[in-house]
Amino acid sequence: MPHTYILRCVDGSFYVGSTRNLKLRLSQHSSGHGAEYTKRRLPVELVWNHESDRIDEASQLEKRIQGWSHNKRKILIEEGPAALKGWSARTRKE
């Protein structure tokens, strides 16, 4: 099944990706054969994932989350999607 996922890198940053095979992709990231971004920030830890029915849905969610701030991603990871209801750049207080 396709997945959208977030990794926490050793420097505290987040990496967002999507894949058809989550187990294989995590192995690739952990061994330094994933993205250039994670290769320079090992070790990485899976902190969130979402299963989709289709890879295009997973990819669309990946692109949406990539546009989010670090704080918004952190809320998704720690509190889940319901905590983001009503979140916007104009109304949030960071």
N, C-alpha and C. Protein backbone atom coordinates (compact mmCIF):
# COMPACT_ATOMS: atom_id res chain seq x y z
N MET A 1 0.84 -1.19 0.00
CA MET A 1 0.00 0.00 0.00
C MET A 1 0.88 1.25 0.00
N PRO A 2 0.45 2.28 -0.70
CA PRO A 2 1.19 3.54 -0.71
C PRO A 2 1.13 4.25 0.64
N HIS A 3 2.21 4.91 0.98
CA HIS A 3 2.31 5.63 2.24
C HIS A 3 2.90 7.01 2.03
N THR A 4 2.47 7.95 2.84
CA THR A 4 3.14 9.23 3.03
C THR A 4 3.77 9.12 4.41
N TYR A 5 5.01 9.60 4.55
CA TYR A 5 5.69 9.42 5.83
C TYR A 5 6.53 10.63 6.18
N ILE A 6 6.80 10.76 7.48
CA ILE A 6 7.69 11.80 7.98
C ILE A 6 8.78 11.13 8.80
N LEU A 7 10.02 11.51 8.51
CA LEU A 7 11.17 11.05 9.27
C LEU A 7 11.71 12.21 10.09
N ARG A 8 12.14 11.93 11.31
CA ARG A 8 12.87 12.92 12.10
C ARG A 8 14.35 12.62 11.90
N CYS A 9 15.09 13.60 11.47
CA CYS A 9 16.53 13.44 11.22
C CYS A 9 17.30 13.76 12.50
N VAL A 10 18.56 13.37 12.54
CA VAL A 10 19.39 13.55 13.72
C VAL A 10 19.50 15.03 14.12
N ASP A 11 19.38 15.94 13.16
CA ASP A 11 19.48 17.37 13.47
C ASP A 11 18.14 17.97 13.91
N GLY A 12 17.10 17.12 14.03
CA GLY A 12 15.78 17.59 14.47
C GLY A 12 14.87 18.04 13.35
N SER A 13 15.37 18.08 12.14
CA SER A 13 14.54 18.46 11.00
C SER A 13 13.66 17.27 10.58
N PHE A 14 12.66 17.57 9.77
CA PHE A 14 11.76 16.54 9.28
C PHE A 14 11.94 16.36 7.78
N TYR A 15 11.84 15.12 7.34
CA TYR A 15 11.85 14.78 5.92
C TYR A 15 10.51 14.14 5.60
N VAL A 16 9.86 14.62 4.55
CA VAL A 16 8.56 14.09 4.13
C VAL A 16 8.72 13.37 2.81
N GLY A 17 8.17 12.17 2.72
CA GLY A 17 8.25 11.41 1.49
C GLY A 17 7.01 10.57 1.27
N SER A 18 6.96 9.92 0.11
CA SER A 18 5.88 8.97 -0.18
C SER A 18 6.50 7.79 -0.92
N THR A 19 5.86 6.64 -0.78
CA THR A 19 6.41 5.42 -1.36
C THR A 19 5.33 4.37 -1.51
N ARG A 20 5.59 3.40 -2.36
CA ARG A 20 4.70 2.24 -2.48
C ARG A 20 5.07 1.17 -1.46
N ASN A 21 6.32 1.17 -0.99
CA ASN A 21 6.82 0.14 -0.08
C ASN A 21 7.53 0.81 1.09
N LEU A 22 6.82 1.04 2.18
CA LEU A 22 7.37 1.80 3.31
C LEU A 22 8.56 1.09 3.94
N LYS A 23 8.47 -0.20 4.14
CA LYS A 23 9.56 -0.94 4.79
C LYS A 23 10.86 -0.82 3.98
N LEU A 24 10.77 -0.99 2.68
CA LEU A 24 11.95 -0.88 1.81
C LEU A 24 12.50 0.54 1.83
N ARG A 25 11.63 1.52 1.73
CA ARG A 25 12.08 2.92 1.69
C ARG A 25 12.76 3.32 2.99
N LEU A 26 12.23 2.88 4.12
CA LEU A 26 12.87 3.18 5.41
C LEU A 26 14.24 2.55 5.49
N SER A 27 14.37 1.34 4.98
CA SER A 27 15.67 0.67 4.94
C SER A 27 16.65 1.45 4.08
N GLN A 28 16.18 1.95 2.96
CA GLN A 28 17.04 2.75 2.07
C GLN A 28 17.51 4.02 2.77
N HIS A 29 16.59 4.72 3.42
CA HIS A 29 16.97 5.94 4.14
C HIS A 29 17.98 5.63 5.24
N SER A 30 17.72 4.60 6.02
CA SER A 30 18.57 4.26 7.17
C SER A 30 19.97 3.84 6.75
N SER A 31 20.09 3.26 5.57
CA SER A 31 21.40 2.79 5.10
C SER A 31 22.16 3.85 4.31
N GLY A 32 21.58 5.04 4.18
CA GLY A 32 22.25 6.11 3.45
C GLY A 32 22.01 6.06 1.96
N HIS A 33 21.08 5.22 1.50
CA HIS A 33 20.78 5.10 0.08
C HIS A 33 19.42 5.73 -0.27
N GLY A 34 18.90 6.53 0.64
CA GLY A 34 17.64 7.22 0.38
C GLY A 34 17.91 8.55 -0.27
N ALA A 35 17.24 9.58 0.16
CA ALA A 35 17.40 10.92 -0.39
C ALA A 35 18.71 11.54 0.07
N GLU A 36 19.21 12.47 -0.71
CA GLU A 36 20.42 13.20 -0.33
C GLU A 36 20.23 13.91 1.01
N TYR A 37 19.03 14.44 1.22
CA TYR A 37 18.75 15.16 2.46
C TYR A 37 18.96 14.27 3.68
N THR A 38 18.40 13.07 3.65
CA THR A 38 18.52 12.19 4.82
C THR A 38 19.90 11.56 4.91
N LYS A 39 20.55 11.38 3.80
CA LYS A 39 21.90 10.78 3.80
C LYS A 39 22.86 11.60 4.66
N ARG A 40 22.68 12.91 4.66
CA ARG A 40 23.55 13.80 5.44
C ARG A 40 23.06 14.02 6.86
N ARG A 41 21.94 13.38 7.23
CA ARG A 41 21.34 13.64 8.54
C ARG A 41 20.96 12.34 9.27
N LEU A 42 21.79 11.33 9.12
CA LEU A 42 21.55 10.03 9.75
C LEU A 42 21.96 10.08 11.21
N PRO A 43 21.31 9.32 12.06
CA PRO A 43 20.21 8.40 11.76
C PRO A 43 18.88 9.13 11.65
N VAL A 44 17.93 8.45 11.01
CA VAL A 44 16.58 8.98 10.88
C VAL A 44 15.61 8.04 11.59
N GLU A 45 14.47 8.60 11.97
CA GLU A 45 13.46 7.81 12.70
C GLU A 45 12.08 8.10 12.08
N LEU A 46 11.32 7.06 11.80
CA LEU A 46 9.95 7.22 11.33
C LEU A 46 9.11 7.75 12.48
N VAL A 47 8.47 8.91 12.28
CA VAL A 47 7.66 9.49 13.35
C VAL A 47 6.19 9.61 12.99
N TRP A 48 5.86 9.44 11.70
CA TRP A 48 4.46 9.52 11.28
C TRP A 48 4.32 8.88 9.92
N ASN A 49 3.21 8.22 9.68
CA ASN A 49 2.90 7.73 8.33
C ASN A 49 1.40 7.61 8.15
N HIS A 50 1.01 7.70 6.90
CA HIS A 50 -0.40 7.60 6.53
C HIS A 50 -0.51 6.70 5.32
N GLU A 51 -1.38 5.73 5.39
CA GLU A 51 -1.60 4.82 4.28
C GLU A 51 -2.69 5.36 3.37
N SER A 52 -2.45 5.32 2.07
CA SER A 52 -3.41 5.78 1.07
C SER A 52 -3.83 4.61 0.19
N ASP A 53 -4.92 4.80 -0.53
CA ASP A 53 -5.37 3.77 -1.47
C ASP A 53 -4.54 3.77 -2.75
N ARG A 54 -4.10 4.97 -3.15
CA ARG A 54 -3.37 5.09 -4.42
C ARG A 54 -2.11 5.92 -4.23
N ILE A 55 -1.09 5.66 -5.05
CA ILE A 55 0.18 6.37 -4.93
C ILE A 55 0.03 7.86 -5.24
N ASP A 56 -0.87 8.22 -6.14
CA ASP A 56 -1.05 9.65 -6.45
C ASP A 56 -1.62 10.40 -5.24
N GLU A 57 -2.45 9.73 -4.44
CA GLU A 57 -2.97 10.36 -3.22
C GLU A 57 -1.84 10.56 -2.21
N ALA A 58 -0.99 9.55 -2.08
CA ALA A 58 0.16 9.65 -1.16
C ALA A 58 1.09 10.76 -1.60
N SER A 59 1.32 10.88 -2.88
CA SER A 59 2.20 11.91 -3.42
C SER A 59 1.61 13.31 -3.21
N GLN A 60 0.31 13.44 -3.41
CA GLN A 60 -0.34 14.74 -3.18
C GLN A 60 -0.24 15.16 -1.72
N LEU A 61 -0.45 14.22 -0.80
CA LEU A 61 -0.33 14.52 0.62
C LEU A 61 1.11 14.89 0.96
N GLU A 62 2.07 14.18 0.38
CA GLU A 62 3.49 14.50 0.58
C GLU A 62 3.76 15.96 0.20
N LYS A 63 3.32 16.37 -0.97
CA LYS A 63 3.56 17.73 -1.44
C LYS A 63 2.89 18.76 -0.54
N ARG A 64 1.70 18.45 -0.05
CA ARG A 64 1.01 19.38 0.85
C ARG A 64 1.80 19.55 2.15
N ILE A 65 2.22 18.43 2.75
CA ILE A 65 2.95 18.49 4.02
C ILE A 65 4.31 19.16 3.83
N GLN A 66 4.95 18.97 2.68
CA GLN A 66 6.25 19.60 2.43
C GLN A 66 6.14 21.12 2.48
N GLY A 67 4.97 21.66 2.21
CA GLY A 67 4.77 23.11 2.25
C GLY A 67 4.48 23.65 3.64
N TRP A 68 4.37 22.77 4.62
CA TRP A 68 4.04 23.18 5.98
C TRP A 68 5.28 23.60 6.75
N SER A 69 5.07 24.39 7.78
CA SER A 69 6.15 24.79 8.68
C SER A 69 6.57 23.61 9.55
N HIS A 70 7.72 23.73 10.16
CA HIS A 70 8.21 22.71 11.10
C HIS A 70 7.20 22.52 12.24
N ASN A 71 6.67 23.63 12.74
CA ASN A 71 5.71 23.54 13.86
C ASN A 71 4.42 22.83 13.47
N LYS A 72 3.94 23.08 12.27
CA LYS A 72 2.70 22.42 11.83
C LYS A 72 2.94 20.92 11.68
N ARG A 73 4.10 20.53 11.14
CA ARG A 73 4.44 19.11 11.03
C ARG A 73 4.53 18.48 12.42
N LYS A 74 5.12 19.20 13.35
CA LYS A 74 5.27 18.69 14.72
C LYS A 74 3.91 18.43 15.36
N ILE A 75 2.96 19.32 15.15
CA ILE A 75 1.61 19.13 15.68
C ILE A 75 0.96 17.90 15.06
N LEU A 76 1.12 17.71 13.75
CA LEU A 76 0.58 16.51 13.10
C LEU A 76 1.16 15.26 13.74
N ILE A 77 2.46 15.24 13.95
CA ILE A 77 3.14 14.07 14.52
C ILE A 77 2.70 13.81 15.95
N GLU A 78 2.66 14.85 16.75
CA GLU A 78 2.39 14.69 18.19
C GLU A 78 0.92 14.59 18.54
N GLU A 79 0.05 15.27 17.78
CA GLU A 79 -1.35 15.35 18.18
C GLU A 79 -2.33 14.80 17.15
N GLY A 80 -1.86 14.55 15.93
CA GLY A 80 -2.72 14.00 14.89
C GLY A 80 -3.39 15.07 14.06
N PRO A 81 -4.03 14.65 12.97
CA PRO A 81 -4.63 15.60 12.03
C PRO A 81 -5.76 16.44 12.61
N ALA A 82 -6.49 15.93 13.59
CA ALA A 82 -7.60 16.70 14.18
C ALA A 82 -7.09 17.98 14.84
N ALA A 83 -5.87 17.97 15.35
CA ALA A 83 -5.31 19.15 16.02
C ALA A 83 -5.00 20.27 15.03
N LEU A 84 -4.99 19.97 13.74
CA LEU A 84 -4.67 20.98 12.73
C LEU A 84 -5.91 21.68 12.19
N LYS A 85 -7.09 21.26 12.64
CA LYS A 85 -8.33 21.86 12.14
C LYS A 85 -8.32 23.36 12.45
N GLY A 86 -8.49 24.13 11.41
CA GLY A 86 -8.51 25.58 11.56
C GLY A 86 -7.13 26.24 11.54
N TRP A 87 -6.07 25.44 11.41
CA TRP A 87 -4.71 25.98 11.38
C TRP A 87 -4.51 26.75 10.07
N SER A 88 -4.03 27.95 10.18
CA SER A 88 -3.65 28.72 8.99
C SER A 88 -2.58 29.72 9.38
N ALA A 89 -1.85 30.20 8.41
CA ALA A 89 -0.78 31.14 8.67
C ALA A 89 -1.32 32.45 9.26
N ARG A 90 -2.55 32.78 8.94
CA ARG A 90 -3.12 34.05 9.42
C ARG A 90 -3.65 33.96 10.85
N THR A 91 -4.06 32.78 11.29
CA THR A 91 -4.73 32.69 12.59
C THR A 91 -3.90 32.03 13.67
N ARG A 92 -2.82 31.35 13.33
CA ARG A 92 -2.06 30.65 14.36
C ARG A 92 -1.18 31.62 15.13
N LYS A 93 -0.86 31.22 16.35
CA LYS A 93 0.04 32.00 17.20
C LYS A 93 1.17 31.09 17.59
N GLU A 94 2.35 31.35 17.07
CA GLU A 94 3.51 30.49 17.37
C GLU A 94 4.38 31.16 18.42
